[in-house]
Protein backbone atom coordinates (compact mmCIF):
# COMPACT_ATOMS: atom_id res chain seq x y z
CA MET A 1 -46.30 9.90 15.98
CA GLN A 2 -43.07 11.86 15.97
CA LEU A 3 -39.83 10.48 14.55
CA ARG A 4 -36.79 10.59 16.76
CA LYS A 5 -33.86 12.61 15.43
CA SER A 6 -30.34 11.22 15.50
CA GLY A 7 -27.90 12.37 18.16
CA PHE A 8 -25.59 14.38 15.89
CA PRO A 9 -26.52 17.41 13.81
CA ARG A 10 -26.11 16.95 10.07
CA GLY A 11 -22.92 19.07 9.83
CA VAL A 12 -21.19 17.11 12.60
CA ARG A 13 -22.05 13.79 10.91
CA GLN A 14 -20.65 15.04 7.61
CA GLY A 15 -17.50 16.24 9.35
CA ILE A 16 -16.98 12.86 11.00
CA VAL A 17 -17.44 11.08 7.67
CA VAL A 18 -14.92 13.39 5.95
CA VAL A 19 -12.34 12.87 8.72
CA LEU A 20 -12.77 9.09 8.54
CA MET A 21 -12.36 9.13 4.75
CA VAL A 22 -9.15 11.20 4.99
CA LEU A 23 -7.74 8.85 7.64
CA ALA A 24 -8.63 5.81 5.53
CA VAL A 25 -6.90 7.24 2.46
CA GLY A 26 -3.86 8.19 4.55
CA GLY A 27 -3.55 4.61 5.77
CA CYS A 28 -3.41 3.27 2.21
CA THR A 29 0.16 4.33 1.52
CA TYR A 30 3.18 2.08 1.26
CA LYS A 31 5.64 4.85 2.05
CA PRO A 32 7.86 3.83 4.99
CA GLY A 33 7.54 5.84 8.19
CA TYR A 34 11.26 6.70 8.33
CA LEU A 35 11.21 8.44 4.94
CA LYS A 36 10.45 12.01 3.96
CA GLY A 37 10.39 12.33 0.21
CA VAL A 38 8.31 13.06 -2.84
CA ASN A 39 6.63 10.74 -5.32
CA THR A 40 8.19 10.17 -8.71
CA GLU A 41 6.73 9.11 -12.06
CA VAL A 42 7.48 5.48 -11.15
CA PRO A 43 4.70 3.90 -9.00
CA GLN A 44 5.52 3.24 -5.34
CA ARG A 45 8.88 5.08 -5.60
CA TRP A 46 9.94 8.12 -3.59
CA LYS A 47 12.89 10.49 -4.03
CA VAL A 48 14.60 10.68 -0.66
CA GLU A 49 14.75 14.06 1.04
CA THR A 50 15.53 12.95 4.60
CA ILE A 51 15.59 9.69 6.54
CA ALA A 52 14.89 9.48 10.27
CA PRO A 53 17.64 7.17 11.63
CA ALA A 54 15.76 6.60 14.89
CA ARG A 55 13.00 4.75 13.00
CA LEU A 56 15.34 2.41 11.10
CA SER A 57 16.17 -1.21 11.89
CA ALA A 58 19.74 -2.16 12.77
CA ASP A 59 20.51 -3.35 9.22
CA GLN A 60 19.01 -0.22 7.69
CA ARG A 61 20.91 2.02 10.10
CA THR A 62 24.19 0.23 9.27
CA THR A 63 23.55 0.64 5.53
CA LEU A 64 22.71 4.32 6.04
CA GLU A 65 25.93 4.88 8.01
CA ASP A 66 28.07 2.99 5.45
CA ARG A 67 26.53 4.21 2.19
CA GLY A 68 24.63 7.35 3.12
CA PRO A 69 20.99 7.99 2.16
CA PRO A 70 19.73 6.36 -1.04
CA THR A 71 18.55 8.39 -4.01
CA TYR A 72 15.21 6.57 -4.13
CA VAL A 73 13.20 4.12 -2.01
CA ARG A 74 10.80 1.79 -3.82
CA PHE A 75 8.14 -0.57 -2.48
CA PHE A 76 7.69 -4.13 -3.77
CA ARG A 77 6.11 -7.37 -2.56
CA GLU A 78 7.96 -10.66 -2.20
CA VAL A 79 6.62 -13.11 -4.80
CA GLU A 80 6.14 -16.16 -2.56
CA THR A 81 5.02 -14.64 0.76
CA ARG A 82 3.74 -11.19 -0.34
CA ASN A 83 5.81 -9.62 2.48
CA PRO A 84 6.66 -5.94 2.01
CA VAL A 85 10.08 -5.32 0.47
CA TYR A 86 11.81 -1.94 0.30
CA ALA A 87 14.56 -1.30 -2.21
CA TRP A 88 17.06 1.43 -1.45
CA ILE A 89 18.27 2.61 -4.85
CA TYR A 90 21.65 4.32 -5.14
CA THR A 91 22.24 6.12 -8.46
CA ASP A 92 25.25 8.22 -7.48
CA THR A 93 27.80 6.23 -9.48
CA GLY A 94 27.04 7.47 -13.00
CA GLU A 95 24.95 5.05 -15.06
CA ALA A 96 25.34 2.09 -12.71
CA VAL A 97 22.55 1.55 -10.22
CA ASP A 98 23.07 -0.24 -6.91
CA VAL A 99 20.07 -1.66 -5.04
CA VAL A 100 19.95 -2.74 -1.39
CA TRP A 101 16.92 -4.90 -0.45
CA PHE A 102 15.17 -4.95 2.94
CA VAL A 103 12.49 -7.38 4.12
CA ASP A 104 11.04 -6.54 7.55
CA GLY A 105 14.02 -4.25 8.11
CA LYS A 106 16.55 -7.02 7.47
CA ARG A 107 18.98 -6.76 4.57
CA VAL A 108 18.71 -9.55 1.99
CA GLU A 109 20.88 -10.20 -1.05
CA ASN A 110 18.76 -12.17 -3.53
CA ILE A 111 15.00 -11.91 -3.58
CA ALA A 112 12.22 -12.32 -6.14
CA VAL A 113 9.89 -9.32 -6.04
CA ASP A 114 6.63 -8.28 -7.66
CA SER A 115 5.83 -4.64 -8.41
CA ASP A 116 2.12 -5.21 -7.67
CA PRO A 117 1.61 -3.66 -4.19
CA SER A 118 -1.37 -5.87 -3.32
CA ALA A 119 -0.91 -8.09 -0.27
CA PHE A 120 -2.83 -10.84 -2.08
CA SER A 121 -1.40 -13.16 -4.70
CA SER A 122 -2.78 -13.11 -8.23
CA THR A 123 -4.58 -16.40 -7.57
CA THR A 124 -6.32 -14.99 -4.49
CA ARG A 125 -7.33 -11.83 -6.38
CA ARG A 126 -8.68 -13.90 -9.29
CA ARG A 127 -10.69 -16.15 -6.93
CA ALA A 128 -12.13 -13.13 -5.13
CA ARG A 129 -13.10 -11.57 -8.47
CA TYR A 130 -14.87 -14.78 -9.53
CA ALA A 131 -16.65 -15.01 -6.16
CA ILE A 132 -17.87 -11.42 -6.45
CA LEU A 133 -19.09 -11.97 -10.01
CA GLY A 134 -20.82 -15.22 -9.02
CA GLY A 135 -22.43 -13.62 -5.97
CA THR A 136 -23.64 -10.68 -8.02
CA GLY A 137 -25.12 -13.01 -10.61
CA ALA A 138 -26.76 -15.11 -7.88
CA ALA A 139 -28.38 -11.97 -6.45
CA ILE A 140 -29.46 -10.42 -9.76
CA LEU A 141 -30.90 -13.51 -11.46
CA PRO A 142 -33.68 -14.21 -8.89
CA THR A 143 -34.53 -10.49 -8.81
CA VAL A 144 -34.93 -10.38 -12.58
CA LEU A 145 -37.03 -13.55 -12.55
CA LEU A 146 -39.30 -12.23 -9.79
CA LEU A 147 -39.80 -8.90 -11.54
CA ALA A 148 -40.40 -10.60 -14.89
CA ASN A 149 -43.23 -12.71 -13.41
CA ARG A 150 -45.22 -9.72 -12.18
């Protein structure tokens, strides 16, 4: 009996896997599409090089026209809803720092933010961690008992 070979040669399969991994990693960024900039030592913060005005919302475009480009853009999550929040940080005025907040492209004045970029609340993450630990224990315990009885 002869085994059937898969449709793709080994090199092609490896190439597909590498491309998929690169695309998956590229999709895990919080950097806004309108921004070209470089990372800084602060997590989820980028130093602004250029901003594409065509990709901005009306509020963002108005702020850009009135104030000019920010020095930095930083990503946060809203505490209650976990919606993405972008802070445009202006540091041009000496030691004073001015921050303009955007939620879904709309300018907001007062907002509670969390620097954790996860879309899940801390309660959801804790419950998921407990579920994974419980599921792992439920899978390992019977295996150990079965192997111990041999």
